[in-house]
Every structure is written in C-alpha cells, then in structure tokens.
C-alpha cells in the first residue's frame, strides 16, 4: 500500500524562477487552488521541497474518497 499526497497550489508561480514553474507543471499544478493526488515517492517529495512555499501538502489514505480534484 503506497501512501498518497494531496497537493494544492496556494500561491502563484508568477514572478518565480523558471525551475520553480517547471516543478509546478511537473506536479500537474497549472492553476491556483488546483489539487492533485500523487503517490508518496522520493522524486515527488523532492519536487515538493523545491516549491514548498507555494503549495499545501496533506497525506491521504489510499481508500479515501477525497480524490476528486
């Protein structure tokens, strides 16, 4: 059973370095307040650490019905 992360974009990527914008796109966060569900893996955690000041992250149970974005 792989843990999942609920990631929400809470601050805009406008005016941020290109690398930060690329990470947001890589996570699937293209618009403000958009939420995505991603598996908890080391590569995703690394992306989260790069833009932690722009996003909000919650751990989600795999059986949860909160997967509506």
PDB file of N, CA and C in Angstrom:
ATOM      1  N   UNK A   1       0.844  -1.176   0.000  1.00  0.00           N
ATOM      2  CA  UNK A   1       0.000   0.000   0.000  1.00  0.00           C
ATOM      3  C   UNK A   1       0.891   1.242   0.000  1.00  0.00           C
ATOM      4  N   UNK A   2       0.781   2.030  -1.034  1.00  0.00           N
ATOM      5  CA  UNK A   2       1.581   3.240  -1.180  1.00  0.00           C
ATOM      6  C   UNK A   2       0.778   4.430  -0.661  1.00  0.00           C
ATOM      7  N   UNK A   3       1.403   5.218   0.183  1.00  0.00           N
ATOM      8  CA  UNK A   3       0.750   6.422   0.693  1.00  0.00           C
ATOM      9  C   UNK A   3       0.591   7.426  -0.445  1.00  0.00           C
ATOM     10  N   UNK A   4      -0.409   8.279  -0.318  1.00  0.00           N
ATOM     11  CA  UNK A   4      -0.645   9.296  -1.331  1.00  0.00           C
ATOM     12  C   UNK A   4      -0.616  10.674  -0.699  1.00  0.00           C
ATOM     13  N   UNK A   5      -0.303  11.657  -1.526  1.00  0.00           N
ATOM     14  CA  UNK A   5      -0.224  13.041  -1.083  1.00  0.00           C
ATOM     15  C   UNK A   5      -1.230  13.878  -1.859  1.00  0.00           C
ATOM     16  N   UNK A   6      -1.935  14.731  -1.151  1.00  0.00           N
ATOM     17  CA  UNK A   6      -2.859  15.683  -1.761  1.00  0.00           C
ATOM     18  C   UNK A   6      -2.130  17.021  -1.790  1.00  0.00           C
ATOM     19  N   UNK A   7      -1.842  17.518  -2.988  1.00  0.00           N
ATOM     20  CA  UNK A   7      -1.032  18.724  -3.155  1.00  0.00           C
ATOM     21  C   UNK A   7      -1.898  19.818  -3.770  1.00  0.00           C
ATOM     22  N   UNK A   8      -1.936  20.981  -3.130  1.00  0.00           N
ATOM     23  CA  UNK A   8      -2.744  22.105  -3.595  1.00  0.00           C
ATOM     24  C   UNK A   8      -1.846  23.320  -3.809  1.00  0.00           C
ATOM     25  N   UNK A   9      -2.008  23.977  -4.947  1.00  0.00           N
ATOM     26  CA  UNK A   9      -1.272  25.208  -5.235  1.00  0.00           C
ATOM     27  C   UNK A   9      -1.974  26.370  -4.535  1.00  0.00           C
ATOM     28  N   UNK A  10      -1.299  27.020  -3.588  1.00  0.00           N
ATOM     29  CA  UNK A  10      -1.913  28.104  -2.822  1.00  0.00           C
ATOM     30  C   UNK A  10      -1.304  29.468  -3.129  1.00  0.00           C
ATOM     31  N   UNK A  11      -0.128  29.492  -3.769  1.00  0.00           N
ATOM     32  CA  UNK A  11       0.486  30.753  -4.182  1.00  0.00           C
ATOM     33  C   UNK A  11       0.899  30.631  -5.634  1.00  0.00           C
ATOM     34  N   UNK A  12       0.786  31.701  -6.364  1.00  0.00           N
ATOM     35  CA  UNK A  12       1.056  31.703  -7.798  1.00  0.00           C
ATOM     36  C   UNK A  12       2.536  31.514  -8.113  1.00  0.00           C
ATOM     37  N   UNK A  13       2.791  30.952  -9.284  1.00  0.00           N
ATOM     38  CA  UNK A  13       4.151  30.792  -9.771  1.00  0.00           C
ATOM     39  C   UNK A  13       4.646  32.006 -10.546  1.00  0.00           C
ATOM     40  N   UNK A  14       3.802  33.021 -10.693  1.00  0.00           N
ATOM     41  CA  UNK A  14       4.191  34.228 -11.420  1.00  0.00           C
ATOM     42  C   UNK A  14       5.322  34.927 -10.673  1.00  0.00           C
ATOM     43  N   UNK A  15       6.354  35.312 -11.407  1.00  0.00           N
ATOM     44  CA  UNK A  15       7.489  36.001 -10.814  1.00  0.00           C
ATOM     45  C   UNK A  15       8.478  35.078 -10.126  1.00  0.00           C
ATOM     46  N   UNK A  16       8.271  33.793 -10.241  1.00  0.00           N
ATOM     47  CA  UNK A  16       9.172  32.805  -9.632  1.00  0.00           C
ATOM     48  C   UNK A  16      10.177  32.334 -10.674  1.00  0.00           C
ATOM     49  N   UNK A  17      11.282  31.765 -10.249  1.00  0.00           N
ATOM     50  CA  UNK A  17      12.271  31.245 -11.207  1.00  0.00           C
ATOM     51  C   UNK A  17      11.670  30.172 -12.117  1.00  0.00           C
ATOM     52  N   UNK A  18      12.242  30.032 -13.295  1.00  0.00           N
ATOM     53  CA  UNK A  18      11.744  29.057 -14.267  1.00  0.00           C
ATOM     54  C   UNK A  18      11.750  27.638 -13.721  1.00  0.00           C
ATOM     55  N   UNK A  19      12.749  27.318 -12.910  1.00  0.00           N
ATOM     56  CA  UNK A  19      12.815  25.971 -12.329  1.00  0.00           C
ATOM     57  C   UNK A  19      11.607  25.705 -11.438  1.00  0.00           C
ATOM     58  N   UNK A  20      11.169  26.703 -10.686  1.00  0.00           N
ATOM     59  CA  UNK A  20      10.002  26.529  -9.825  1.00  0.00           C
ATOM     60  C   UNK A  20       8.753  26.324 -10.673  1.00  0.00           C
ATOM     61  N   UNK A  21       8.617  27.096 -11.737  1.00  0.00           N
ATOM     62  CA  UNK A  21       7.464  26.941 -12.629  1.00  0.00           C
ATOM     63  C   UNK A  21       7.461  25.560 -13.270  1.00  0.00           C
ATOM     64  N   UNK A  22       8.644  25.082 -13.656  1.00  0.00           N
ATOM     65  CA  UNK A  22       8.753  23.757 -14.269  1.00  0.00           C
ATOM     66  C   UNK A  22       8.359  22.665 -13.276  1.00  0.00           C
ATOM     67  N   UNK A  23       8.719  22.828 -12.024  1.00  0.00           N
ATOM     68  CA  UNK A  23       8.349  21.850 -10.998  1.00  0.00           C
ATOM     69  C   UNK A  23       6.838  21.840 -10.803  1.00  0.00           C
ATOM     70  N   UNK A  24       6.220  23.012 -10.771  1.00  0.00           N
ATOM     71  CA  UNK A  24       4.765  23.082 -10.620  1.00  0.00           C
ATOM     72  C   UNK A  24       4.063  22.370 -11.772  1.00  0.00           C
ATOM     73  N   UNK A  25       4.535  22.588 -12.987  1.00  0.00           N
ATOM     74  CA  UNK A  25       3.955  21.911 -14.147  1.00  0.00           C
ATOM     75  C   UNK A  25       4.182  20.407 -14.045  1.00  0.00           C
ATOM     76  N   UNK A  26       5.362  20.011 -13.591  1.00  0.00           N
ATOM     77  CA  UNK A  26       5.664  18.596 -13.419  1.00  0.00           C
ATOM     78  C   UNK A  26       4.756  17.916 -12.404  1.00  0.00           C
ATOM     79  N   UNK A  27       4.346  18.662 -11.396  1.00  0.00           N
ATOM     80  CA  UNK A  27       3.412  18.128 -10.407  1.00  0.00           C
ATOM     81  C   UNK A  27       1.973  18.153 -10.911  1.00  0.00           C
ATOM     82  N   UNK A  28       1.721  18.876 -12.003  1.00  0.00           N
ATOM     83  CA  UNK A  28       0.366  18.979 -12.541  1.00  0.00           C
ATOM     84  C   UNK A  28      -0.410  20.151 -11.975  1.00  0.00           C
ATOM     85  N   UNK A  29       0.285  21.088 -11.362  1.00  0.00           N
ATOM     86  CA  UNK A  29      -0.364  22.259 -10.766  1.00  0.00           C
ATOM     87  C   UNK A  29      -0.249  23.438 -11.724  1.00  0.00           C
ATOM     88  N   UNK A  30      -1.298  23.673 -12.485  1.00  0.00           N
ATOM     89  CA  UNK A  30      -1.268  24.707 -13.513  1.00  0.00           C
ATOM     90  C   UNK A  30      -2.068  25.949 -13.138  1.00  0.00           C
ATOM     91  N   UNK A  31      -3.005  25.815 -12.202  1.00  0.00           N
ATOM     92  CA  UNK A  31      -3.831  26.951 -11.814  1.00  0.00           C
ATOM     93  C   UNK A  31      -3.905  27.042 -10.295  1.00  0.00           C
ATOM     94  N   UNK A  32      -4.122  28.239  -9.812  1.00  0.00           N
ATOM     95  CA  UNK A  32      -4.226  28.488  -8.385  1.00  0.00           C
ATOM     96  C   UNK A  32      -5.375  27.680  -7.782  1.00  0.00           C
ATOM     97  N   UNK A  33      -5.161  27.094  -6.637  1.00  0.00           N
ATOM     98  CA  UNK A  33      -6.118  26.282  -5.878  1.00  0.00           C
ATOM     99  C   UNK A  33      -6.445  24.946  -6.541  1.00  0.00           C
ATOM    100  N   UNK A  34      -5.675  24.556  -7.542  1.00  0.00           N
ATOM    101  CA  UNK A  34      -5.849  23.230  -8.137  1.00  0.00           C
ATOM    102  C   UNK A  34      -5.234  22.198  -7.198  1.00  0.00           C
ATOM    103  N   UNK A  35      -5.900  21.058  -7.065  1.00  0.00           N
ATOM    104  CA  UNK A  35      -5.434  19.986  -6.194  1.00  0.00           C
ATOM    105  C   UNK A  35      -5.194  18.734  -7.013  1.00  0.00           C
ATOM    106  N   UNK A  36      -4.080  18.072  -6.743  1.00  0.00           N
ATOM    107  CA  UNK A  36      -3.756  16.808  -7.406  1.00  0.00           C
ATOM    108  C   UNK A  36      -3.392  15.778  -6.343  1.00  0.00           C
ATOM    109  N   UNK A  37      -3.580  14.510  -6.690  1.00  0.00           N
ATOM    110  CA  UNK A  37      -3.199  13.400  -5.822  1.00  0.00           C
ATOM    111  C   UNK A  37      -2.005  12.712  -6.466  1.00  0.00           C
ATOM    112  N   UNK A  38      -0.922  12.573  -5.722  1.00  0.00           N
ATOM    113  CA  UNK A  38       0.293  11.925  -6.225  1.00  0.00           C
ATOM    114  C   UNK A  38       0.747  10.875  -5.221  1.00  0.00           C
ATOM    115  N   UNK A  39       1.424   9.844  -5.719  1.00  0.00           N
ATOM    116  CA  UNK A  39       1.994   8.829  -4.835  1.00  0.00           C
ATOM    117  C   UNK A  39       3.144   9.441  -4.037  1.00  0.00           C
ATOM    118  N   UNK A  40       3.332   8.953  -2.828  1.00  0.00           N
ATOM    119  CA  UNK A  40       4.413   9.438  -1.970  1.00  0.00           C
ATOM    120  C   UNK A  40       5.697   8.700  -2.338  1.00  0.00           C
ATOM    121  N   UNK A  41       6.465   9.304  -3.247  1.00  0.00           N
ATOM    122  CA  UNK A  41       7.726   8.724  -3.714  1.00  0.00           C
ATOM    123  C   UNK A  41       8.833   9.753  -3.508  1.00  0.00           C
ATOM    124  N   UNK A  42      10.085   9.300  -3.489  1.00  0.00           N
ATOM    125  CA  UNK A  42      11.201  10.236  -3.275  1.00  0.00           C
ATOM    126  C   UNK A  42      11.280  11.346  -4.320  1.00  0.00           C
ATOM    127  N   UNK A  43      10.986  11.046  -5.584  1.00  0.00           N
ATOM    128  CA  UNK A  43      11.062  12.088  -6.609  1.00  0.00           C
ATOM    129  C   UNK A  43       9.977  13.143  -6.415  1.00  0.00           C
ATOM    130  N   UNK A  44       8.782  12.724  -6.032  1.00  0.00           N
ATOM    131  CA  UNK A  44       7.699  13.675  -5.767  1.00  0.00           C
ATOM    132  C   UNK A  44       8.036  14.511  -4.530  1.00  0.00           C
ATOM    133  N   UNK A  45       8.599  13.875  -3.499  1.00  0.00           N
ATOM    134  CA  UNK A  45       8.999  14.604  -2.292  1.00  0.00           C
ATOM    135  C   UNK A  45      10.056  15.662  -2.611  1.00  0.00           C
ATOM    136  N   UNK A  46      10.970  15.340  -3.512  1.00  0.00           N
ATOM    137  CA  UNK A  46      11.983  16.309  -3.922  1.00  0.00           C
ATOM    138  C   UNK A  46      11.373  17.507  -4.622  1.00  0.00           C
ATOM    139  N   UNK A  47      10.382  17.252  -5.483  1.00  0.00           N
ATOM    140  CA  UNK A  47       9.691  18.347  -6.168  1.00  0.00           C
ATOM    141  C   UNK A  47       8.937  19.212  -5.155  1.00  0.00           C
ATOM    142  N   UNK A  48       8.307  18.565  -4.187  1.00  0.00           N
ATOM    143  CA  UNK A  48       7.574  19.294  -3.150  1.00  0.00           C
ATOM    144  C   UNK A  48       8.523  20.196  -2.366  1.00  0.00           C
ATOM    145  N   UNK A  49       9.699  19.697  -2.043  1.00  0.00           N
ATOM    146  CA  UNK A  49      10.664  20.502  -1.286  1.00  0.00           C
ATOM    147  C   UNK A  49      11.110  21.738  -2.052  1.00  0.00           C
ATOM    148  N   UNK A  50      11.176  21.663  -3.379  1.00  0.00           N
ATOM    149  CA  UNK A  50      11.594  22.812  -4.188  1.00  0.00           C
ATOM    150  C   UNK A  50      10.580  23.949  -4.149  1.00  0.00           C
ATOM    151  N   UNK A  51       9.293  23.615  -4.060  1.00  0.00           N
ATOM    152  CA  UNK A  51       8.244  24.642  -4.129  1.00  0.00           C
ATOM    153  C   UNK A  51       7.351  24.628  -2.893  1.00  0.00           C
ATOM    154  N   UNK A  52       7.899  24.228  -1.758  1.00  0.00           N
ATOM    155  CA  UNK A  52       7.095  24.093  -0.549  1.00  0.00           C
ATOM    156  C   UNK A  52       6.465  25.412  -0.096  1.00  0.00           C
ATOM    157  N   UNK A  53       7.029  26.539  -0.504  1.00  0.00           N
ATOM    158  CA  UNK A  53       6.487  27.843  -0.137  1.00  0.00           C
ATOM    159  C   UNK A  53       5.285  28.238  -1.003  1.00  0.00           C
ATOM    160  N   UNK A  54       4.990  27.463  -2.044  1.00  0.00           N
ATOM    161  CA  UNK A  54       3.882  27.766  -2.949  1.00  0.00           C
ATOM    162  C   UNK A  54       2.715  26.789  -2.820  1.00  0.00           C
ATOM    163  N   UNK A  55       2.904  25.696  -2.101  1.00  0.00           N
ATOM    164  CA  UNK A  55       1.905  24.626  -2.075  1.00  0.00           C
ATOM    165  C   UNK A  55       1.527  24.246  -0.647  1.00  0.00           C
ATOM    166  N   UNK A  56       0.432  23.493  -0.547  1.00  0.00           N
ATOM    167  CA  UNK A  56      -0.001  22.896   0.718  1.00  0.00           C
ATOM    168  C   UNK A  56      -0.111  21.398   0.476  1.00  0.00           C
ATOM    169  N   UNK A  57       0.471  20.596   1.371  1.00  0.00           N
ATOM    170  CA  UNK A  57       0.529  19.147   1.190  1.00  0.00           C
ATOM    171  C   UNK A  57      -0.137  18.450   2.364  1.00  0.00           C
ATOM    172  N   UNK A  58      -0.983  17.448   2.041  1.00  0.00           N
ATOM    173  CA  UNK A  58      -1.620  16.614   3.055  1.00  0.00           C
ATOM    174  C   UNK A  58      -1.428  15.158   2.673  1.00  0.00           C
ATOM    175  N   UNK A  59      -1.286  14.296   3.669  1.00  0.00           N
ATOM    176  CA  UNK A  59      -1.250  12.863   3.400  1.00  0.00           C
ATOM    177  C   UNK A  59      -2.682  12.356   3.340  1.00  0.00           C
ATOM    178  N   UNK A  60      -2.955  11.463   2.376  1.00  0.00           N
ATOM    179  CA  UNK A  60      -4.297  10.945   2.155  1.00  0.00           C
ATOM    180  C   UNK A  60      -4.255   9.430   2.253  1.00  0.00           C
ATOM    181  N   UNK A  61      -5.267   8.847   2.901  1.00  0.00           N
ATOM    182  CA  UNK A  61      -5.386   7.392   2.919  1.00  0.00           C
ATOM    183  C   UNK A  61      -5.761   6.910   1.535  1.00  0.00           C
ATOM    184  N   UNK A  62      -5.224   5.757   1.129  1.00  0.00           N
ATOM    185  CA  UNK A  62      -5.470   5.248  -0.217  1.00  0.00           C
ATOM    186  C   UNK A  62      -6.945   4.948  -0.447  1.00  0.00           C
ATOM    187  N   UNK A  63      -7.666   4.495   0.565  1.00  0.00           N
ATOM    188  CA  UNK A  63      -9.071   4.142   0.419  1.00  0.00           C
ATOM    189  C   UNK A  63     -10.013   5.324   0.515  1.00  0.00           C
ATOM    190  N   UNK A  64      -9.495   6.512   0.689  1.00  0.00           N
ATOM    191  CA  UNK A  64     -10.321   7.700   0.870  1.00  0.00           C
ATOM    192  C   UNK A  64     -10.983   8.132  -0.433  1.00  0.00           C
ATOM    193  N   UNK A  65     -12.144   8.775  -0.318  1.00  0.00           N
ATOM    194  CA  UNK A  65     -12.854   9.278  -1.492  1.00  0.00           C
ATOM    195  C   UNK A  65     -12.538  10.745  -1.761  1.00  0.00           C
ATOM    196  N   UNK A  66     -11.471  11.284  -1.193  1.00  0.00           N
ATOM    197  CA  UNK A  66     -11.088  12.683  -1.380  1.00  0.00           C
ATOM    198  C   UNK A  66     -10.323  12.904  -2.672  1.00  0.00           C
ATOM    199  N   UNK A  67     -10.388  11.965  -3.603  1.00  0.00           N
ATOM    200  CA  UNK A  67      -9.583  12.060  -4.810  1.00  0.00           C
ATOM    201  C   UNK A  67     -10.234  12.897  -5.908  1.00  0.00           C
ATOM    202  N   UNK A  68     -11.289  13.614  -5.588  1.00  0.00           N
ATOM    203  CA  UNK A  68     -11.891  14.494  -6.576  1.00  0.00           C
ATOM    204  C   UNK A  68     -11.116  15.790  -6.605  1.00  0.00           C
ATOM    205  N   UNK A  69     -10.712  16.207  -7.793  1.00  0.00           N
ATOM    206  CA  UNK A  69      -9.890  17.414  -7.905  1.00  0.00           C
ATOM    207  C   UNK A  69     -10.677  18.533  -8.516  1.00  0.00           C
TER     208      UNK A  69
END
